[in-house]
Amino acid sequence: MSHATGRRGRRLPTRDELAVWRSFIETAERLRSELETRLQADGGVSGADYSVLLALWEARDHRLRSSTLAERIGWERSRLSHHLGRMERRGLIGREDCATDNRGAEVVLTSDGAAVFRAVSAPHLAGVRKLFVDAFTPEQLDSLGELIGTLASHLDENPTR
């Protein structure tokens, strides 16, 4: 069995490929952590809170069914349910019966949630500009967009579920 081939003949990443992978993961985590720290400092919200608030802010009438919200932010429904409970206790969201389907509930952005979202969005976007966008030339950012699109398409073609 060669170094680059695992059991059952699957090809494993090379040392150089793993170095790129690790650099990608570590840098993405560092960026996420930096932005999360800023969200906490600017408005007392987590990155997870911001994901929920953003999805609701962008939704028609600032409301979504729980299942749709989970899909939009890429979370398992059980994780979302627990997180929504915490956000509801803080007054950021509410849950209401779905007008079109009495089996389901809709998650609704409250006025307090909207105010928090508005308060943290400008500083958050300034952080995205400073920590991410400004790191690249316009050409590099275009190339990065293409690379991310390629990766997203590859993931769509090779789902794990």
C-alpha atoms as a PDB file:
ATOM      1  CA  MET A   1       0.000   0.000   0.000  1.00  0.00           C
ATOM      2  CA  SER A   2       1.512   3.328  -1.038  1.00  0.00           C
ATOM      3  CA  HIS A   3       1.568   6.394   1.211  1.00  0.00           C
ATOM      4  CA  ALA A   4      -1.060   8.171  -0.891  1.00  0.00           C
ATOM      5  CA  THR A   5      -3.441   5.214  -1.099  1.00  0.00           C
ATOM      6  CA  GLY A   6      -5.594   4.120   1.813  1.00  0.00           C
ATOM      7  CA  ARG A   7      -7.580   0.969   2.373  1.00  0.00           C
ATOM      8  CA  ARG A   8      -9.818  -0.187  -0.444  1.00  0.00           C
ATOM      9  CA  GLY A   9      -7.624   1.685  -2.944  1.00  0.00           C
ATOM     10  CA  ARG A  10      -8.855   5.202  -2.162  1.00  0.00           C
ATOM     11  CA  ARG A  11      -6.296   7.894  -2.910  1.00  0.00           C
ATOM     12  CA  LEU A  12      -5.442  10.012   0.125  1.00  0.00           C
ATOM     13  CA  PRO A  13      -4.353  13.662  -0.030  1.00  0.00           C
ATOM     14  CA  THR A  14      -0.647  14.283  -0.411  1.00  0.00           C
ATOM     15  CA  ARG A  15       1.366  16.143   2.233  1.00  0.00           C
ATOM     16  CA  ASP A  16       1.201  19.328   0.133  1.00  0.00           C
ATOM     17  CA  GLU A  17      -2.550  18.966  -0.398  1.00  0.00           C
ATOM     18  CA  LEU A  18      -3.053  18.456   3.326  1.00  0.00           C
ATOM     19  CA  ALA A  19      -0.982  21.567   4.042  1.00  0.00           C
ATOM     20  CA  VAL A  20      -3.312  23.616   1.807  1.00  0.00           C
ATOM     21  CA  TRP A  21      -6.377  22.045   3.451  1.00  0.00           C
ATOM     22  CA  ARG A  22      -5.099  22.739   6.945  1.00  0.00           C
ATOM     23  CA  SER A  23      -4.189  26.322   6.064  1.00  0.00           C
ATOM     24  CA  PHE A  24      -7.673  26.841   4.614  1.00  0.00           C
ATOM     25  CA  ILE A  25      -9.408  25.424   7.710  1.00  0.00           C
ATOM     26  CA  GLU A  26      -7.238  27.277  10.213  1.00  0.00           C
ATOM     27  CA  THR A  27      -7.519  30.605   8.386  1.00  0.00           C
ATOM     28  CA  ALA A  28     -11.285  30.298   7.927  1.00  0.00           C
ATOM     29  CA  GLU A  29     -11.666  29.484  11.632  1.00  0.00           C
ATOM     30  CA  ARG A  30      -9.478  32.429  12.604  1.00  0.00           C
ATOM     31  CA  LEU A  31     -11.548  34.763  10.401  1.00  0.00           C
ATOM     32  CA  ARG A  32     -14.804  33.388  11.819  1.00  0.00           C
ATOM     33  CA  SER A  33     -13.499  33.809  15.357  1.00  0.00           C
ATOM     34  CA  GLU A  34     -12.376  37.401  14.737  1.00  0.00           C
ATOM     35  CA  LEU A  35     -15.755  38.345  13.257  1.00  0.00           C
ATOM     36  CA  GLU A  36     -17.601  36.550  16.064  1.00  0.00           C
ATOM     37  CA  THR A  37     -15.592  38.457  18.688  1.00  0.00           C
ATOM     38  CA  ARG A  38     -16.550  41.719  17.008  1.00  0.00           C
ATOM     39  CA  LEU A  39     -20.249  40.762  16.887  1.00  0.00           C
ATOM     40  CA  GLN A  40     -20.165  39.984  20.603  1.00  0.00           C
ATOM     41  CA  ALA A  41     -18.417  43.277  21.393  1.00  0.00           C
ATOM     42  CA  ASP A  42     -20.640  45.383  19.131  1.00  0.00           C
ATOM     43  CA  GLY A  43     -24.016  43.968  20.075  1.00  0.00           C
ATOM     44  CA  GLY A  44     -23.794  40.942  22.321  1.00  0.00           C
ATOM     45  CA  VAL A  45     -24.765  38.519  19.570  1.00  0.00           C
ATOM     46  CA  SER A  46     -23.010  35.389  18.413  1.00  0.00           C
ATOM     47  CA  GLY A  47     -22.275  34.469  14.838  1.00  0.00           C
ATOM     48  CA  ALA A  48     -25.081  31.915  15.121  1.00  0.00           C
ATOM     49  CA  ASP A  49     -27.493  34.630  16.298  1.00  0.00           C
ATOM     50  CA  TYR A  50     -26.437  36.810  13.387  1.00  0.00           C
ATOM     51  CA  SER A  51     -27.074  33.990  10.888  1.00  0.00           C
ATOM     52  CA  VAL A  52     -30.630  33.600  12.188  1.00  0.00           C
ATOM     53  CA  LEU A  53     -31.261  37.349  12.327  1.00  0.00           C
ATOM     54  CA  LEU A  54     -29.923  37.832   8.783  1.00  0.00           C
ATOM     55  CA  ALA A  55     -32.098  35.058   7.348  1.00  0.00           C
ATOM     56  CA  LEU A  56     -35.186  36.522   9.038  1.00  0.00           C
ATOM     57  CA  TRP A  57     -34.259  40.087   8.032  1.00  0.00           C
ATOM     58  CA  GLU A  58     -34.075  39.005   4.380  1.00  0.00           C
ATOM     59  CA  ALA A  59     -37.279  36.939   4.497  1.00  0.00           C
ATOM     60  CA  ARG A  60     -40.647  38.209   3.349  1.00  0.00           C
ATOM     61  CA  ASP A  61     -42.396  39.801   6.334  1.00  0.00           C
ATOM     62  CA  HIS A  62     -39.319  38.869   8.433  1.00  0.00           C
ATOM     63  CA  ARG A  63     -40.691  35.380   9.075  1.00  0.00           C
ATOM     64  CA  LEU A  64     -39.822  31.850   8.013  1.00  0.00           C
ATOM     65  CA  ARG A  65     -40.968  28.365   8.824  1.00  0.00           C
ATOM     66  CA  SER A  66     -38.485  26.639  11.101  1.00  0.00           C
ATOM     67  CA  SER A  67     -37.669  24.017   8.475  1.00  0.00           C
ATOM     68  CA  THR A  68     -36.982  26.688   5.853  1.00  0.00           C
ATOM     69  CA  LEU A  69     -34.831  28.667   8.278  1.00  0.00           C
ATOM     70  CA  ALA A  70     -32.801  25.551   9.134  1.00  0.00           C
ATOM     71  CA  GLU A  71     -32.234  24.894   5.445  1.00  0.00           C
ATOM     72  CA  ARG A  72     -31.235  28.505   4.694  1.00  0.00           C
ATOM     73  CA  ILE A  73     -28.568  28.617   7.377  1.00  0.00           C
ATOM     74  CA  GLY A  74     -27.451  25.009   6.927  1.00  0.00           C
ATOM     75  CA  TRP A  75     -28.317  23.706  10.389  1.00  0.00           C
ATOM     76  CA  GLU A  76     -29.936  20.555  11.646  1.00  0.00           C
ATOM     77  CA  ARG A  77     -33.461  21.266  12.879  1.00  0.00           C
ATOM     78  CA  SER A  78     -32.714  20.111  16.422  1.00  0.00           C
ATOM     79  CA  ARG A  79     -29.768  22.519  16.707  1.00  0.00           C
ATOM     80  CA  LEU A  80     -31.921  25.335  15.379  1.00  0.00           C
ATOM     81  CA  SER A  81     -34.744  24.561  17.791  1.00  0.00           C
ATOM     82  CA  HIS A  82     -32.455  24.816  20.807  1.00  0.00           C
ATOM     83  CA  HIS A  83     -30.860  28.013  19.530  1.00  0.00           C
ATOM     84  CA  LEU A  84     -34.225  29.606  18.777  1.00  0.00           C
ATOM     85  CA  GLY A  85     -35.309  28.916  22.341  1.00  0.00           C
ATOM     86  CA  ARG A  86     -32.356  30.931  23.622  1.00  0.00           C
ATOM     87  CA  MET A  87     -33.012  33.751  21.153  1.00  0.00           C
ATOM     88  CA  GLU A  88     -36.704  33.791  22.054  1.00  0.00           C
ATOM     89  CA  ARG A  89     -35.880  34.138  25.759  1.00  0.00           C
ATOM     90  CA  ARG A  90     -33.740  37.174  24.852  1.00  0.00           C
ATOM     91  CA  GLY A  91     -36.614  38.698  22.867  1.00  0.00           C
ATOM     92  CA  LEU A  92     -34.860  38.581  19.484  1.00  0.00           C
ATOM     93  CA  ILE A  93     -37.357  36.263  17.796  1.00  0.00           C
ATOM     94  CA  GLY A  94     -40.830  34.941  18.385  1.00  0.00           C
ATOM     95  CA  ARG A  95     -42.601  31.807  17.254  1.00  0.00           C
ATOM     96  CA  GLU A  96     -46.111  31.894  15.880  1.00  0.00           C
ATOM     97  CA  ASP A  97     -48.446  29.308  14.427  1.00  0.00           C
ATOM     98  CA  CYS A  98     -48.190  29.121  10.671  1.00  0.00           C
ATOM     99  CA  ALA A  99     -51.195  30.752   9.048  1.00  0.00           C
ATOM    100  CA  THR A 100     -51.138  28.362   6.064  1.00  0.00           C
ATOM    101  CA  ASP A 101     -50.334  25.114   7.905  1.00  0.00           C
ATOM    102  CA  ASN A 102     -51.579  24.516  11.430  1.00  0.00           C
ATOM    103  CA  ARG A 103     -48.958  21.775  11.958  1.00  0.00           C
ATOM    104  CA  GLY A 104     -46.036  24.155  11.663  1.00  0.00           C
ATOM    105  CA  ALA A 105     -44.672  27.255  13.290  1.00  0.00           C
ATOM    106  CA  GLU A 106     -43.017  30.315  11.874  1.00  0.00           C
ATOM    107  CA  VAL A 107     -40.041  32.081  13.368  1.00  0.00           C
ATOM    108  CA  VAL A 108     -40.607  35.838  13.425  1.00  0.00           C
ATOM    109  CA  LEU A 109     -38.101  38.635  13.864  1.00  0.00           C
ATOM    110  CA  THR A 110     -39.227  40.836  16.765  1.00  0.00           C
ATOM    111  CA  SER A 111     -38.779  44.601  16.843  1.00  0.00           C
ATOM    112  CA  ASP A 112     -35.983  44.089  19.405  1.00  0.00           C
ATOM    113  CA  GLY A 113     -34.354  41.535  17.119  1.00  0.00           C
ATOM    114  CA  ALA A 114     -34.584  43.915  14.175  1.00  0.00           C
ATOM    115  CA  ALA A 115     -33.033  46.712  16.245  1.00  0.00           C
ATOM    116  CA  VAL A 116     -30.151  44.462  17.305  1.00  0.00           C
ATOM    117  CA  PHE A 117     -29.642  43.310  13.728  1.00  0.00           C
ATOM    118  CA  ARG A 118     -29.526  46.900  12.455  1.00  0.00           C
ATOM    119  CA  ALA A 119     -27.134  47.917  15.251  1.00  0.00           C
ATOM    120  CA  VAL A 120     -24.607  45.152  14.581  1.00  0.00           C
ATOM    121  CA  SER A 121     -24.824  44.979  10.782  1.00  0.00           C
ATOM    122  CA  ALA A 122     -22.788  48.069   9.902  1.00  0.00           C
ATOM    123  CA  PRO A 123     -19.895  47.233  12.243  1.00  0.00           C
ATOM    124  CA  HIS A 124     -20.044  43.583  11.140  1.00  0.00           C
ATOM    125  CA  LEU A 125     -19.874  44.513   7.472  1.00  0.00           C
ATOM    126  CA  ALA A 126     -17.015  46.929   8.228  1.00  0.00           C
ATOM    127  CA  GLY A 127     -15.220  43.979   9.853  1.00  0.00           C
ATOM    128  CA  VAL A 128     -15.862  41.809   6.793  1.00  0.00           C
ATOM    129  CA  ARG A 129     -14.386  44.581   4.639  1.00  0.00           C
ATOM    130  CA  LYS A 130     -11.317  45.069   6.866  1.00  0.00           C
ATOM    131  CA  LEU A 131     -10.528  41.431   7.648  1.00  0.00           C
ATOM    132  CA  PHE A 132     -11.558  39.756   4.391  1.00  0.00           C
ATOM    133  CA  VAL A 133     -12.216  41.993   1.388  1.00  0.00           C
ATOM    134  CA  ASP A 134      -9.261  44.341   1.956  1.00  0.00           C
ATOM    135  CA  ALA A 135      -6.849  41.385   2.134  1.00  0.00           C
ATOM    136  CA  PHE A 136      -7.210  40.887  -1.629  1.00  0.00           C
ATOM    137  CA  THR A 137      -6.855  42.824  -4.840  1.00  0.00           C
ATOM    138  CA  PRO A 138     -10.056  43.001  -6.901  1.00  0.00           C
ATOM    139  CA  GLU A 139      -8.606  40.373  -9.235  1.00  0.00           C
ATOM    140  CA  GLN A 140      -7.761  38.050  -6.349  1.00  0.00           C
ATOM    141  CA  LEU A 141     -11.258  38.480  -4.936  1.00  0.00           C
ATOM    142  CA  ASP A 142     -12.745  37.588  -8.337  1.00  0.00           C
ATOM    143  CA  SER A 143     -10.531  34.483  -8.493  1.00  0.00           C
ATOM    144  CA  LEU A 144     -11.466  33.524  -4.948  1.00  0.00           C
ATOM    145  CA  GLY A 145     -15.141  33.873  -5.851  1.00  0.00           C
ATOM    146  CA  GLU A 146     -14.628  31.502  -8.763  1.00  0.00           C
ATOM    147  CA  LEU A 147     -12.777  28.999  -6.569  1.00  0.00           C
ATOM    148  CA  ILE A 148     -15.492  29.084  -3.921  1.00  0.00           C
ATOM    149  CA  GLY A 149     -18.108  28.600  -6.631  1.00  0.00           C
ATOM    150  CA  THR A 150     -16.210  25.578  -7.922  1.00  0.00           C
ATOM    151  CA  LEU A 151     -16.016  24.111  -4.419  1.00  0.00           C
ATOM    152  CA  ALA A 152     -19.735  24.757  -3.814  1.00  0.00           C
ATOM    153  CA  SER A 153     -20.639  23.028  -7.096  1.00  0.00           C
ATOM    154  CA  HIS A 154     -18.416  20.084  -6.203  1.00  0.00           C
ATOM    155  CA  LEU A 155     -20.125  19.766  -2.819  1.00  0.00           C
ATOM    156  CA  ASP A 156     -23.552  19.935  -4.510  1.00  0.00           C
ATOM    157  CA  GLU A 157     -22.504  17.064  -6.790  1.00  0.00           C
ATOM    158  CA  ASN A 158     -21.145  14.996  -3.881  1.00  0.00           C
ATOM    159  CA  PRO A 159     -23.624  15.358  -1.006  1.00  0.00           C
ATOM    160  CA  THR A 160     -23.023  13.444   2.200  1.00  0.00           C
ATOM    161  CA  ARG A 161     -26.729  13.043   2.920  1.00  0.00           C
END
